[in-house]
């Protein structure tokens, strides 16, 4: 399903936001690499998918009634064997029996690294605007982000990366892997293009956290809110 079809389908279902697996499909359609994942509807499928991806894995409940999954206990990380996957799946079904469940997302867990954020919003004057900065749970506390109008060029993206106060963290601070700025700038360009090309549909995006480690740069959570 292409991005326009995904947005239309969401609107037809009277939803103002895409579920995480749908948002990640949008990113994949822009040739953005995401961790291996699969939406499953049965416990046995969750176990098979986890074995296919290799442990550890993350399980996330997908429901239009649960937007803030972490706050609701709908995300469980670091599952390291079949039994833990089974118990988590069963627990989800028990605790969320009163919501409309679209499925459970089984995702290969990404190794620890530097957490970054890329987001977009819609300015009433300038249209789509992209932000970049330090992500994860620290984003609200640190507020170390920079803004650019969409779409951004590669040069503008590289410039934005150098503008954050915590840019020393990108250089391999205290044993952390050095962030591949070329890959990161490509990601900024692609997300800015996505916002610009779909400005009639997308109100805002929140790609947070993006984990940068020695293996690459991986969006591990994504939210897209429609107009």
N, C-alpha and C. Protein backbone atom coordinates (compact mmCIF):
# COMPACT_ATOMS: atom_id res chain seq x y z
N UNK A 1 0.84 -1.18 0.00
CA UNK A 1 0.00 0.00 0.00
C UNK A 1 0.89 1.25 0.00
N UNK A 2 0.65 2.16 -0.94
CA UNK A 2 1.48 3.37 -0.96
C UNK A 2 1.01 4.36 0.13
N UNK A 3 1.78 5.43 0.31
CA UNK A 3 1.50 6.32 1.43
C UNK A 3 0.15 7.01 1.33
N UNK A 4 -0.19 7.45 0.14
CA UNK A 4 -1.49 8.12 -0.04
C UNK A 4 -2.63 7.18 0.32
N UNK A 5 -2.50 5.92 -0.10
CA UNK A 5 -3.54 4.92 0.22
C UNK A 5 -3.63 4.68 1.73
N UNK A 6 -2.46 4.66 2.39
CA UNK A 6 -2.45 4.47 3.85
C UNK A 6 -3.15 5.64 4.56
N UNK A 7 -2.88 6.86 4.08
CA UNK A 7 -3.50 8.04 4.70
C UNK A 7 -5.02 8.02 4.46
N UNK A 8 -5.42 7.69 3.24
CA UNK A 8 -6.85 7.64 2.90
C UNK A 8 -7.56 6.58 3.74
N UNK A 9 -6.93 5.41 3.88
CA UNK A 9 -7.51 4.31 4.67
C UNK A 9 -7.71 4.73 6.12
N UNK A 10 -6.71 5.44 6.67
CA UNK A 10 -6.80 5.90 8.06
C UNK A 10 -7.96 6.86 8.23
N UNK A 11 -8.11 7.78 7.28
CA UNK A 11 -9.20 8.76 7.35
C UNK A 11 -10.56 8.07 7.21
N UNK A 12 -10.64 7.08 6.32
CA UNK A 12 -11.90 6.35 6.12
C UNK A 12 -12.32 5.62 7.40
N UNK A 13 -11.32 5.25 8.20
CA UNK A 13 -11.61 4.56 9.46
C UNK A 13 -11.83 5.56 10.61
N UNK A 14 -11.97 6.85 10.24
CA UNK A 14 -12.22 7.91 11.21
C UNK A 14 -11.13 7.99 12.28
N UNK A 15 -9.89 7.78 11.85
CA UNK A 15 -8.75 7.92 12.75
C UNK A 15 -7.94 9.13 12.32
N UNK A 16 -7.38 9.84 13.30
CA UNK A 16 -6.57 11.02 12.97
C UNK A 16 -5.08 10.72 13.02
N UNK A 17 -4.73 9.47 13.36
CA UNK A 17 -3.30 9.12 13.46
C UNK A 17 -3.09 7.68 13.02
N UNK A 18 -1.88 7.43 12.53
CA UNK A 18 -1.53 6.09 12.07
C UNK A 18 -1.00 5.27 13.23
N UNK A 19 -1.35 3.99 13.26
CA UNK A 19 -0.74 3.08 14.22
C UNK A 19 0.74 2.94 13.86
N UNK A 20 1.53 2.51 14.84
CA UNK A 20 2.98 2.50 14.63
C UNK A 20 3.41 1.67 13.43
N UNK A 21 2.79 0.50 13.25
CA UNK A 21 3.20 -0.35 12.12
C UNK A 21 2.84 0.31 10.79
N UNK A 22 1.77 1.12 10.79
CA UNK A 22 1.40 1.85 9.57
C UNK A 22 2.38 3.00 9.31
N UNK A 23 2.73 3.71 10.39
CA UNK A 23 3.69 4.81 10.27
C UNK A 23 5.04 4.30 9.76
N UNK A 24 5.43 3.12 10.24
CA UNK A 24 6.70 2.55 9.79
C UNK A 24 6.63 2.07 8.35
N UNK A 25 5.44 1.66 7.91
CA UNK A 25 5.26 1.32 6.50
C UNK A 25 5.46 2.57 5.64
N UNK A 26 4.96 3.70 6.12
CA UNK A 26 5.16 4.98 5.42
C UNK A 26 6.66 5.28 5.29
N UNK A 27 7.40 5.07 6.38
CA UNK A 27 8.85 5.31 6.34
C UNK A 27 9.53 4.35 5.37
N UNK A 28 9.13 3.08 5.42
CA UNK A 28 9.71 2.10 4.49
C UNK A 28 9.45 2.47 3.04
N UNK A 29 8.27 3.03 2.78
CA UNK A 29 7.93 3.46 1.41
C UNK A 29 8.83 4.60 0.94
N UNK A 30 9.48 5.27 1.89
CA UNK A 30 10.45 6.33 1.56
C UNK A 30 11.88 5.78 1.56
N UNK A 31 12.00 4.44 1.53
CA UNK A 31 13.32 3.77 1.56
C UNK A 31 14.11 4.09 2.82
N UNK A 32 13.39 4.19 3.94
CA UNK A 32 14.02 4.38 5.25
C UNK A 32 14.10 3.02 5.93
N UNK A 33 15.29 2.69 6.40
CA UNK A 33 15.52 1.39 7.03
C UNK A 33 14.95 1.39 8.44
N UNK A 34 14.09 0.40 8.74
CA UNK A 34 13.56 0.26 10.10
C UNK A 34 13.91 -1.14 10.61
N UNK A 35 13.86 -1.35 11.92
CA UNK A 35 14.17 -2.69 12.44
C UNK A 35 13.16 -3.72 11.92
N UNK A 36 13.58 -4.98 11.73
CA UNK A 36 12.65 -6.03 11.29
C UNK A 36 11.48 -6.14 12.25
N UNK A 37 10.26 -6.19 11.71
CA UNK A 37 9.08 -6.29 12.57
C UNK A 37 7.95 -6.96 11.81
N UNK A 38 6.96 -7.44 12.56
CA UNK A 38 5.80 -8.08 11.95
C UNK A 38 4.60 -7.91 12.86
N UNK A 39 3.46 -7.56 12.27
CA UNK A 39 2.20 -7.48 13.01
C UNK A 39 1.58 -8.87 13.05
N UNK A 40 1.28 -9.35 14.25
CA UNK A 40 0.73 -10.70 14.40
C UNK A 40 -0.61 -10.64 15.14
N UNK A 41 -1.40 -11.69 14.93
CA UNK A 41 -2.73 -11.76 15.53
C UNK A 41 -2.89 -12.97 16.44
N UNK A 42 -1.84 -13.79 16.52
CA UNK A 42 -1.90 -15.00 17.34
C UNK A 42 -0.61 -15.15 18.13
N UNK A 43 -0.74 -15.78 19.28
CA UNK A 43 0.41 -16.04 20.16
C UNK A 43 1.50 -16.83 19.43
N UNK A 44 1.09 -17.86 18.69
CA UNK A 44 2.08 -18.71 17.99
C UNK A 44 2.83 -17.91 16.93
N UNK A 45 2.14 -16.95 16.29
CA UNK A 45 2.80 -16.10 15.29
C UNK A 45 3.83 -15.17 15.94
N UNK A 46 3.52 -14.71 17.16
CA UNK A 46 4.45 -13.86 17.88
C UNK A 46 5.74 -14.62 18.18
N UNK A 47 5.58 -15.86 18.61
CA UNK A 47 6.75 -16.69 18.94
C UNK A 47 7.56 -16.98 17.68
N UNK A 48 6.87 -17.34 16.59
CA UNK A 48 7.57 -17.64 15.32
C UNK A 48 8.33 -16.42 14.81
N UNK A 49 7.71 -15.25 14.89
CA UNK A 49 8.36 -14.03 14.41
C UNK A 49 9.59 -13.70 15.25
N UNK A 50 9.47 -13.88 16.57
CA UNK A 50 10.60 -13.61 17.46
C UNK A 50 11.77 -14.53 17.14
N UNK A 51 11.47 -15.79 16.88
CA UNK A 51 12.52 -16.75 16.53
C UNK A 51 13.16 -16.39 15.19
N UNK A 52 12.32 -15.91 14.27
CA UNK A 52 12.82 -15.53 12.94
C UNK A 52 13.77 -14.34 13.03
N UNK A 53 13.40 -13.32 13.85
CA UNK A 53 14.22 -12.12 13.96
C UNK A 53 15.45 -12.35 14.84
N UNK A 54 15.32 -13.26 15.79
CA UNK A 54 16.39 -13.48 16.78
C UNK A 54 16.17 -12.62 18.01
N UNK A 55 16.40 -13.21 19.17
CA UNK A 55 16.20 -12.47 20.43
C UNK A 55 17.38 -11.53 20.69
N UNK A 56 17.18 -10.47 21.48
CA UNK A 56 15.94 -10.06 22.14
C UNK A 56 14.98 -9.33 21.18
N UNK A 57 13.70 -9.34 21.56
CA UNK A 57 12.68 -8.65 20.77
C UNK A 57 11.85 -7.74 21.68
N UNK A 58 11.05 -6.90 21.03
CA UNK A 58 10.12 -6.00 21.72
C UNK A 58 8.72 -6.37 21.26
N UNK A 59 7.75 -6.36 22.16
CA UNK A 59 6.35 -6.53 21.79
C UNK A 59 5.60 -5.23 22.08
N UNK A 60 4.77 -4.80 21.11
CA UNK A 60 4.01 -3.57 21.25
C UNK A 60 2.57 -3.83 20.82
N UNK A 61 1.64 -3.42 21.65
CA UNK A 61 0.22 -3.56 21.32
C UNK A 61 -0.19 -2.46 20.35
N UNK A 62 -0.85 -2.85 19.26
CA UNK A 62 -1.33 -1.87 18.29
C UNK A 62 -2.85 -1.71 18.43
N UNK A 63 -3.26 -0.51 18.81
CA UNK A 63 -4.69 -0.23 18.97
C UNK A 63 -4.96 1.24 18.78
N UNK A 64 -6.06 1.55 18.11
CA UNK A 64 -6.45 2.95 17.91
C UNK A 64 -6.87 3.59 19.23
N UNK A 65 -7.10 2.75 20.25
CA UNK A 65 -7.50 3.24 21.57
C UNK A 65 -6.32 3.48 22.50
N UNK A 66 -5.11 3.12 22.03
CA UNK A 66 -3.91 3.28 22.87
C UNK A 66 -2.85 4.04 22.07
N UNK A 67 -2.87 5.37 22.22
CA UNK A 67 -1.92 6.19 21.47
C UNK A 67 -0.56 6.22 22.17
N UNK A 68 -0.58 6.42 23.48
CA UNK A 68 0.67 6.51 24.24
C UNK A 68 0.97 5.15 24.85
N UNK A 69 1.61 4.32 24.04
CA UNK A 69 1.78 2.90 24.39
C UNK A 69 2.65 2.70 25.64
N UNK A 70 3.74 3.43 25.74
CA UNK A 70 4.66 3.24 26.87
C UNK A 70 3.96 3.58 28.18
N UNK A 71 3.23 4.70 28.20
CA UNK A 71 2.51 5.11 29.42
C UNK A 71 1.45 4.09 29.82
N UNK A 72 0.92 3.39 28.84
CA UNK A 72 -0.17 2.43 29.09
C UNK A 72 0.34 1.01 29.37
N UNK A 73 1.66 0.84 29.35
CA UNK A 73 2.20 -0.50 29.56
C UNK A 73 2.00 -1.41 28.37
N UNK A 74 1.89 -0.81 27.17
CA UNK A 74 1.65 -1.58 25.96
C UNK A 74 2.92 -1.82 25.15
N UNK A 75 4.08 -1.60 25.79
CA UNK A 75 5.38 -1.89 25.18
C UNK A 75 6.21 -2.67 26.20
N UNK A 76 6.72 -3.82 25.78
CA UNK A 76 7.60 -4.60 26.66
C UNK A 76 8.88 -4.91 25.88
N UNK A 77 10.02 -4.47 26.42
CA UNK A 77 11.30 -4.61 25.73
C UNK A 77 12.12 -5.77 26.30
N UNK A 78 13.19 -6.09 25.60
CA UNK A 78 14.20 -7.05 26.08
C UNK A 78 13.65 -8.44 26.37
N UNK A 79 12.72 -8.90 25.54
CA UNK A 79 12.21 -10.27 25.70
C UNK A 79 13.24 -11.22 25.10
N UNK A 80 13.75 -12.15 25.90
CA UNK A 80 14.93 -12.90 25.48
C UNK A 80 14.69 -14.37 25.19
N UNK A 81 13.42 -14.83 25.29
CA UNK A 81 13.14 -16.22 24.94
C UNK A 81 11.66 -16.40 24.61
N UNK A 82 11.32 -17.60 24.12
CA UNK A 82 9.95 -17.88 23.68
C UNK A 82 8.94 -17.73 24.82
N UNK A 83 9.32 -18.18 26.02
CA UNK A 83 8.41 -18.12 27.16
C UNK A 83 8.05 -16.68 27.50
N UNK A 84 9.03 -15.79 27.47
CA UNK A 84 8.76 -14.37 27.77
C UNK A 84 7.85 -13.75 26.72
N UNK A 85 8.05 -14.13 25.45
CA UNK A 85 7.18 -13.63 24.38
C UNK A 85 5.75 -14.12 24.60
N UNK A 86 5.60 -15.40 24.90
CA UNK A 86 4.28 -15.99 25.14
C UNK A 86 3.58 -15.30 26.31
N UNK A 87 4.30 -15.14 27.43
CA UNK A 87 3.71 -14.53 28.63
C UNK A 87 3.29 -13.08 28.36
N UNK A 88 4.11 -12.34 27.61
CA UNK A 88 3.79 -10.94 27.31
C UNK A 88 2.57 -10.85 26.41
N UNK A 89 2.51 -11.71 25.39
CA UNK A 89 1.36 -11.71 24.48
C UNK A 89 0.07 -11.99 25.26
N UNK A 90 0.10 -13.03 26.09
CA UNK A 90 -1.08 -13.40 26.89
C UNK A 90 -1.47 -12.26 27.83
N UNK A 91 -0.46 -11.61 28.42
CA UNK A 91 -0.71 -10.49 29.33
C UNK A 91 -1.37 -9.31 28.60
N UNK A 92 -0.89 -9.03 27.39
CA UNK A 92 -1.52 -7.98 26.58
C UNK A 92 -3.00 -8.28 26.36
N UNK A 93 -3.30 -9.50 25.96
CA UNK A 93 -4.69 -9.88 25.66
C UNK A 93 -5.57 -9.77 26.91
N UNK A 94 -4.99 -10.06 28.06
CA UNK A 94 -5.75 -10.00 29.32
C UNK A 94 -5.98 -8.54 29.74
N UNK A 95 -4.92 -7.74 29.70
CA UNK A 95 -5.01 -6.35 30.20
C UNK A 95 -5.75 -5.42 29.26
N UNK A 96 -5.72 -5.73 27.96
CA UNK A 96 -6.33 -4.82 26.97
C UNK A 96 -7.55 -5.45 26.30
N UNK A 97 -8.29 -6.24 27.08
CA UNK A 97 -9.45 -6.92 26.49
C UNK A 97 -10.61 -5.97 26.21
N UNK A 98 -10.50 -4.72 26.68
CA UNK A 98 -11.58 -3.75 26.47
C UNK A 98 -11.28 -2.75 25.36
N UNK A 99 -10.18 -2.96 24.60
CA UNK A 99 -9.86 -2.04 23.50
C UNK A 99 -9.89 -2.78 22.17
N UNK A 100 -9.94 -2.00 21.11
CA UNK A 100 -9.94 -2.55 19.75
C UNK A 100 -8.50 -2.85 19.34
N UNK A 101 -8.12 -4.11 19.34
CA UNK A 101 -6.73 -4.50 19.07
C UNK A 101 -6.55 -4.82 17.58
N UNK A 102 -5.59 -4.10 16.95
CA UNK A 102 -5.28 -4.35 15.53
C UNK A 102 -4.27 -5.49 15.40
N UNK A 103 -3.56 -5.77 16.49
CA UNK A 103 -2.55 -6.82 16.48
C UNK A 103 -1.44 -6.48 17.45
N UNK A 104 -0.43 -7.33 17.47
CA UNK A 104 0.75 -7.09 18.30
C UNK A 104 1.95 -7.01 17.37
N UNK A 105 2.73 -5.95 17.52
CA UNK A 105 3.92 -5.77 16.69
C UNK A 105 5.11 -6.43 17.39
N UNK A 106 5.70 -7.41 16.71
CA UNK A 106 6.92 -8.05 17.20
C UNK A 106 8.08 -7.40 16.45
N UNK A 107 9.05 -6.90 17.19
CA UNK A 107 10.13 -6.15 16.55
C UNK A 107 11.48 -6.57 17.12
N UNK A 108 12.44 -6.73 16.24
CA UNK A 108 13.81 -7.01 16.66
C UNK A 108 14.33 -5.84 17.48
N UNK A 109 14.87 -6.12 18.66
CA UNK A 109 15.35 -5.04 19.51
C UNK A 109 16.68 -4.50 19.00
N UNK A 110 16.75 -3.18 18.92
CA UNK A 110 17.97 -2.51 18.44
C UNK A 110 18.92 -2.32 19.62
N UNK A 111 20.21 -2.55 19.35
CA UNK A 111 21.23 -2.34 20.39
C UNK A 111 21.21 -0.90 20.88
N UNK A 112 21.63 -0.72 22.12
CA UNK A 112 21.66 0.63 22.70
C UNK A 112 22.56 1.55 21.88
N UNK A 113 22.25 2.82 21.93
CA UNK A 113 23.05 3.83 21.23
C UNK A 113 22.56 5.20 21.63
N UNK A 114 22.94 6.19 20.87
CA UNK A 114 22.49 7.56 21.13
C UNK A 114 21.06 7.72 20.61
N UNK A 115 20.19 8.27 21.46
CA UNK A 115 18.78 8.46 21.06
C UNK A 115 18.58 9.87 20.51
N UNK A 116 18.03 9.91 19.29
CA UNK A 116 17.79 11.17 18.59
C UNK A 116 16.31 11.29 18.25
N UNK A 117 15.90 12.48 17.85
CA UNK A 117 14.52 12.69 17.40
C UNK A 117 14.52 13.46 16.10
N UNK A 118 13.63 13.07 15.20
CA UNK A 118 13.29 13.89 14.03
C UNK A 118 11.77 14.01 14.03
N UNK A 119 11.29 15.22 13.92
CA UNK A 119 9.85 15.43 13.90
C UNK A 119 9.48 16.48 12.87
N UNK A 120 8.20 16.54 12.55
CA UNK A 120 7.73 17.61 11.68
C UNK A 120 6.43 18.17 12.26
N UNK A 121 6.19 19.43 11.96
CA UNK A 121 4.93 20.06 12.34
C UNK A 121 4.52 20.99 11.20
N UNK A 122 3.34 21.56 11.30
CA UNK A 122 2.84 22.43 10.25
C UNK A 122 2.73 23.85 10.78
N UNK A 123 3.51 24.75 10.20
CA UNK A 123 3.45 26.17 10.58
C UNK A 123 2.43 26.87 9.70
N UNK A 124 1.60 27.72 10.30
CA UNK A 124 0.51 28.35 9.53
C UNK A 124 1.05 29.26 8.42
N UNK A 125 2.27 29.77 8.58
CA UNK A 125 2.86 30.64 7.56
C UNK A 125 3.77 29.88 6.59
N UNK A 126 4.66 29.04 7.15
CA UNK A 126 5.70 28.42 6.34
C UNK A 126 5.37 27.00 5.86
N UNK A 127 4.30 26.41 6.38
CA UNK A 127 3.98 25.03 6.00
C UNK A 127 4.79 24.04 6.81
N UNK A 128 5.16 22.88 6.23
CA UNK A 128 5.86 21.85 6.99
C UNK A 128 7.24 22.32 7.47
N UNK A 129 7.50 22.07 8.76
CA UNK A 129 8.78 22.40 9.39
C UNK A 129 9.32 21.13 10.02
N UNK A 130 10.64 20.91 9.90
CA UNK A 130 11.26 19.71 10.47
C UNK A 130 12.13 20.11 11.66
N UNK A 131 12.14 19.24 12.69
CA UNK A 131 13.03 19.46 13.82
C UNK A 131 13.95 18.27 13.99
N UNK A 132 15.13 18.53 14.54
CA UNK A 132 16.11 17.48 14.83
C UNK A 132 16.77 17.78 16.16
N UNK A 133 17.04 16.74 16.93
CA UNK A 133 17.75 16.96 18.19
C UNK A 133 17.95 15.69 18.97
N UNK A 134 18.31 15.88 20.25
CA UNK A 134 18.49 14.77 21.17
C UNK A 134 17.10 14.23 21.51
N UNK A 135 16.96 12.89 21.44
CA UNK A 135 15.62 12.30 21.60
C UNK A 135 15.48 11.45 22.83
N UNK A 136 14.59 10.46 22.73
CA UNK A 136 14.29 9.59 23.86
C UNK A 136 13.49 10.33 24.91
N UNK A 137 13.56 9.85 26.14
CA UNK A 137 12.79 10.48 27.23
C UNK A 137 13.35 11.85 27.60
N UNK A 138 14.58 12.15 27.16
CA UNK A 138 15.23 13.42 27.52
C UNK A 138 14.74 14.60 26.70
N UNK A 139 13.99 14.34 25.63
CA UNK A 139 13.68 15.41 24.68
C UNK A 139 12.97 16.59 25.34
N UNK A 140 12.03 16.29 26.24
CA UNK A 140 11.28 17.37 26.90
C UNK A 140 12.17 18.13 27.88
N UNK A 141 13.07 17.39 28.55
CA UNK A 141 13.90 18.02 29.58
C UNK A 141 15.01 18.87 28.97
N UNK A 142 15.66 18.35 27.92
CA UNK A 142 16.82 19.02 27.37
C UNK A 142 16.43 20.11 26.37
N UNK A 143 15.40 19.83 25.58
CA UNK A 143 14.93 20.76 24.55
C UNK A 143 16.07 21.25 23.64
N UNK A 144 16.94 20.33 23.27
CA UNK A 144 18.07 20.67 22.39
C UNK A 144 17.70 20.26 20.97
N UNK A 145 16.92 21.12 20.30
CA UNK A 145 16.47 20.82 18.94
C UNK A 145 16.68 22.03 18.04
N UNK A 146 16.80 21.74 16.74
CA UNK A 146 16.89 22.81 15.74
C UNK A 146 15.78 22.61 14.70
N UNK A 147 15.40 23.69 14.05
CA UNK A 147 14.29 23.65 13.09
C UNK A 147 14.74 24.10 11.71
N UNK A 148 14.12 23.52 10.68
CA UNK A 148 14.33 23.93 9.30
C UNK A 148 12.98 23.84 8.56
N UNK A 149 12.83 24.67 7.55
CA UNK A 149 11.65 24.54 6.70
C UNK A 149 11.83 23.37 5.74
N UNK A 150 10.75 22.67 5.44
CA UNK A 150 10.79 21.56 4.48
C UNK A 150 10.56 22.07 3.06
N UNK A 151 11.14 21.38 2.07
CA UNK A 151 12.07 20.25 2.19
C UNK A 151 13.49 20.76 2.42
N UNK A 152 14.33 19.95 3.08
CA UNK A 152 15.72 20.35 3.30
C UNK A 152 16.63 19.64 2.30
N UNK A 153 17.71 20.32 1.95
CA UNK A 153 18.74 19.70 1.11
C UNK A 153 19.71 18.94 2.02
N UNK A 154 20.57 18.17 1.40
CA UNK A 154 21.59 17.44 2.16
C UNK A 154 22.48 18.43 2.95
N UNK A 155 22.86 19.51 2.32
CA UNK A 155 23.71 20.51 2.97
C UNK A 155 23.00 21.14 4.17
N UNK A 156 21.73 21.47 3.99
CA UNK A 156 20.96 22.05 5.09
C UNK A 156 20.81 21.05 6.25
N UNK A 157 20.64 19.78 5.90
CA UNK A 157 20.51 18.74 6.93
C UNK A 157 21.81 18.61 7.72
N UNK A 158 22.94 18.59 7.01
CA UNK A 158 24.23 18.50 7.68
C UNK A 158 24.47 19.72 8.58
N UNK A 159 24.04 20.87 8.11
CA UNK A 159 24.16 22.09 8.91
C UNK A 159 23.33 22.03 10.19
N UNK A 160 22.11 21.49 10.06
CA UNK A 160 21.23 21.35 11.23
C UNK A 160 21.84 20.42 12.27
N UNK A 161 22.45 19.33 11.80
CA UNK A 161 23.08 18.35 12.70
C UNK A 161 24.19 19.02 13.52
N UNK A 162 24.94 19.93 12.89
CA UNK A 162 26.05 20.60 13.57
C UNK A 162 25.58 21.70 14.52
N UNK A 163 24.29 22.03 14.48
CA UNK A 163 23.78 23.16 15.26
C UNK A 163 23.32 22.80 16.66
N UNK A 164 23.04 21.50 16.91
CA UNK A 164 22.55 21.16 18.25
C UNK A 164 23.67 21.34 19.27
N UNK A 165 23.29 21.72 20.49
CA UNK A 165 24.28 21.99 21.54
C UNK A 165 25.04 20.71 21.90
N UNK A 166 24.34 19.58 21.82
CA UNK A 166 24.94 18.30 22.24
C UNK A 166 25.64 17.58 21.09
N UNK A 167 26.14 18.35 20.12
CA UNK A 167 26.73 17.69 18.94
C UNK A 167 27.96 16.85 19.28
N UNK A 168 28.59 17.14 20.43
CA UNK A 168 29.73 16.33 20.86
C UNK A 168 29.33 14.86 21.04
N UNK A 169 28.04 14.63 21.39
CA UNK A 169 27.56 13.26 21.56
C UNK A 169 27.60 12.48 20.24
N UNK A 170 27.54 13.19 19.12
CA UNK A 170 27.54 12.53 17.81
C UNK A 170 28.94 12.06 17.42
N UNK A 171 29.94 12.54 18.16
CA UNK A 171 31.34 12.25 17.78
C UNK A 171 31.92 11.02 18.48
N UNK A 172 31.06 10.27 19.20
CA UNK A 172 31.55 9.09 19.91
C UNK A 172 31.97 9.44 21.31
N UNK A 173 31.09 10.15 22.02
CA UNK A 173 31.38 10.65 23.36
C UNK A 173 31.45 9.51 24.38
N UNK A 174 32.53 9.46 25.17
CA UNK A 174 32.71 8.49 26.26
C UNK A 174 32.41 7.05 25.86
N UNK A 175 33.02 6.65 24.77
CA UNK A 175 32.91 5.25 24.36
C UNK A 175 31.67 4.91 23.53
N UNK A 176 30.77 5.88 23.35
CA UNK A 176 29.61 5.66 22.49
C UNK A 176 30.09 5.60 21.04
N UNK A 177 29.39 4.83 20.19
CA UNK A 177 29.79 4.81 18.77
C UNK A 177 29.58 6.17 18.12
N UNK A 178 30.46 6.49 17.17
CA UNK A 178 30.33 7.73 16.41
C UNK A 178 29.12 7.62 15.48
N UNK A 179 28.32 8.69 15.42
CA UNK A 179 27.12 8.68 14.58
C UNK A 179 27.50 8.96 13.13
N UNK A 180 26.94 8.17 12.22
CA UNK A 180 27.18 8.36 10.79
C UNK A 180 26.33 9.56 10.32
N UNK A 181 26.99 10.72 10.21
CA UNK A 181 26.26 11.95 9.88
C UNK A 181 25.72 11.93 8.45
N UNK A 182 26.40 11.19 7.57
CA UNK A 182 25.92 11.07 6.19
C UNK A 182 24.56 10.36 6.17
N UNK A 183 24.48 9.24 6.88
CA UNK A 183 23.21 8.50 6.98
C UNK A 183 22.14 9.35 7.67
N UNK A 184 22.54 10.03 8.74
CA UNK A 184 21.59 10.85 9.50
C UNK A 184 21.03 11.99 8.65
N UNK A 185 21.90 12.63 7.87
CA UNK A 185 21.42 13.73 7.01
C UNK A 185 20.49 13.21 5.93
N UNK A 186 20.78 12.00 5.39
CA UNK A 186 19.87 11.38 4.41
C UNK A 186 18.49 11.16 5.01
N UNK A 187 18.47 10.72 6.27
CA UNK A 187 17.20 10.48 6.96
C UNK A 187 16.42 11.79 7.13
N UNK A 188 17.11 12.85 7.50
CA UNK A 188 16.47 14.16 7.61
C UNK A 188 15.87 14.61 6.28
N UNK A 189 16.63 14.42 5.22
CA UNK A 189 16.15 14.80 3.88
C UNK A 189 14.89 14.02 3.52
N UNK A 190 14.91 12.70 3.74
CA UNK A 190 13.76 11.86 3.37
C UNK A 190 12.51 12.21 4.17
N UNK A 191 12.68 12.46 5.48
CA UNK A 191 11.51 12.79 6.30
C UNK A 191 10.97 14.17 5.93
N UNK A 192 11.87 15.10 5.59
CA UNK A 192 11.40 16.42 5.15
C UNK A 192 10.65 16.32 3.82
N UNK A 193 11.12 15.44 2.94
CA UNK A 193 10.42 15.21 1.66
C UNK A 193 9.04 14.60 1.91
N UNK A 194 8.99 13.65 2.83
CA UNK A 194 7.72 13.00 3.18
C UNK A 194 6.71 14.04 3.66
N UNK A 195 7.15 14.94 4.54
CA UNK A 195 6.26 15.98 5.07
C UNK A 195 5.83 16.95 3.96
N UNK A 196 6.77 17.31 3.09
CA UNK A 196 6.48 18.27 2.03
C UNK A 196 5.54 17.68 0.98
N UNK A 197 5.84 16.47 0.54
CA UNK A 197 5.04 15.84 -0.52
C UNK A 197 3.63 15.47 -0.05
N UNK A 198 3.45 15.34 1.26
CA UNK A 198 2.15 14.94 1.80
C UNK A 198 1.58 16.00 2.74
N UNK A 199 1.88 17.27 2.42
CA UNK A 199 1.44 18.35 3.31
C UNK A 199 -0.07 18.50 3.38
N UNK A 200 -0.78 17.95 2.40
CA UNK A 200 -2.25 17.96 2.45
C UNK A 200 -2.79 16.95 3.45
N UNK A 201 -1.98 15.97 3.81
CA UNK A 201 -2.41 14.91 4.73
C UNK A 201 -1.79 15.02 6.12
N UNK A 202 -0.46 15.24 6.18
CA UNK A 202 0.26 15.12 7.44
C UNK A 202 0.26 16.43 8.22
N UNK A 203 -0.23 16.37 9.47
CA UNK A 203 -0.17 17.53 10.37
C UNK A 203 1.16 17.53 11.10
N UNK A 204 1.54 16.36 11.63
CA UNK A 204 2.82 16.28 12.34
C UNK A 204 3.33 14.85 12.37
N UNK A 205 4.65 14.73 12.54
CA UNK A 205 5.30 13.43 12.70
C UNK A 205 6.24 13.49 13.89
N UNK A 206 6.38 12.35 14.55
CA UNK A 206 7.28 12.25 15.69
C UNK A 206 8.03 10.93 15.57
N UNK A 207 9.27 11.00 15.13
CA UNK A 207 10.10 9.80 14.98
C UNK A 207 11.07 9.82 16.16
N UNK A 208 10.68 9.13 17.24
CA UNK A 208 11.41 9.24 18.50
C UNK A 208 11.15 8.02 19.38
N UNK A 209 12.22 7.32 19.79
CA UNK A 209 13.60 7.65 19.48
C UNK A 209 14.08 7.06 18.17
N UNK A 210 15.11 7.69 17.63
CA UNK A 210 15.92 7.11 16.56
C UNK A 210 17.21 6.70 17.24
N UNK A 211 17.56 5.43 17.17
CA UNK A 211 18.77 4.96 17.84
C UNK A 211 19.92 4.90 16.84
N UNK A 212 20.99 5.62 17.18
CA UNK A 212 22.21 5.61 16.36
C UNK A 212 23.24 4.77 17.10
N UNK A 213 23.64 3.65 16.48
CA UNK A 213 24.66 2.79 17.10
C UNK A 213 25.67 2.35 16.04
N UNK A 214 26.52 1.41 16.39
CA UNK A 214 27.58 0.99 15.46
C UNK A 214 27.02 0.30 14.22
N UNK A 215 25.77 -0.17 14.27
CA UNK A 215 25.16 -0.86 13.13
C UNK A 215 24.46 0.08 12.16
N UNK A 216 24.18 1.31 12.60
CA UNK A 216 23.48 2.24 11.73
C UNK A 216 22.55 3.15 12.50
N UNK A 217 21.52 3.64 11.82
CA UNK A 217 20.57 4.59 12.41
C UNK A 217 19.16 4.02 12.21
N UNK A 218 18.46 3.80 13.33
CA UNK A 218 17.20 3.05 13.28
C UNK A 218 16.06 3.80 13.97
N UNK A 219 15.01 4.18 13.22
CA UNK A 219 13.80 4.70 13.86
C UNK A 219 13.09 3.55 14.58
N UNK A 220 13.00 3.62 15.91
CA UNK A 220 12.37 2.52 16.64
C UNK A 220 10.95 2.84 17.09
N UNK A 221 10.54 4.09 16.96
CA UNK A 221 9.13 4.43 17.18
C UNK A 221 8.77 5.57 16.23
N UNK A 222 7.53 5.55 15.78
CA UNK A 222 7.11 6.57 14.81
C UNK A 222 5.62 6.85 14.99
N UNK A 223 5.30 8.13 14.98
CA UNK A 223 3.88 8.53 15.06
C UNK A 223 3.61 9.56 13.97
N UNK A 224 2.54 9.37 13.24
CA UNK A 224 2.13 10.31 12.20
C UNK A 224 0.69 10.71 12.48
N UNK A 225 0.48 12.03 12.64
CA UNK A 225 -0.86 12.57 12.89
C UNK A 225 -1.33 13.30 11.65
N UNK A 226 -2.56 13.01 11.25
CA UNK A 226 -3.11 13.57 10.02
C UNK A 226 -3.94 14.82 10.27
N UNK A 227 -4.10 15.60 9.23
CA UNK A 227 -4.91 16.82 9.31
C UNK A 227 -6.39 16.46 9.35
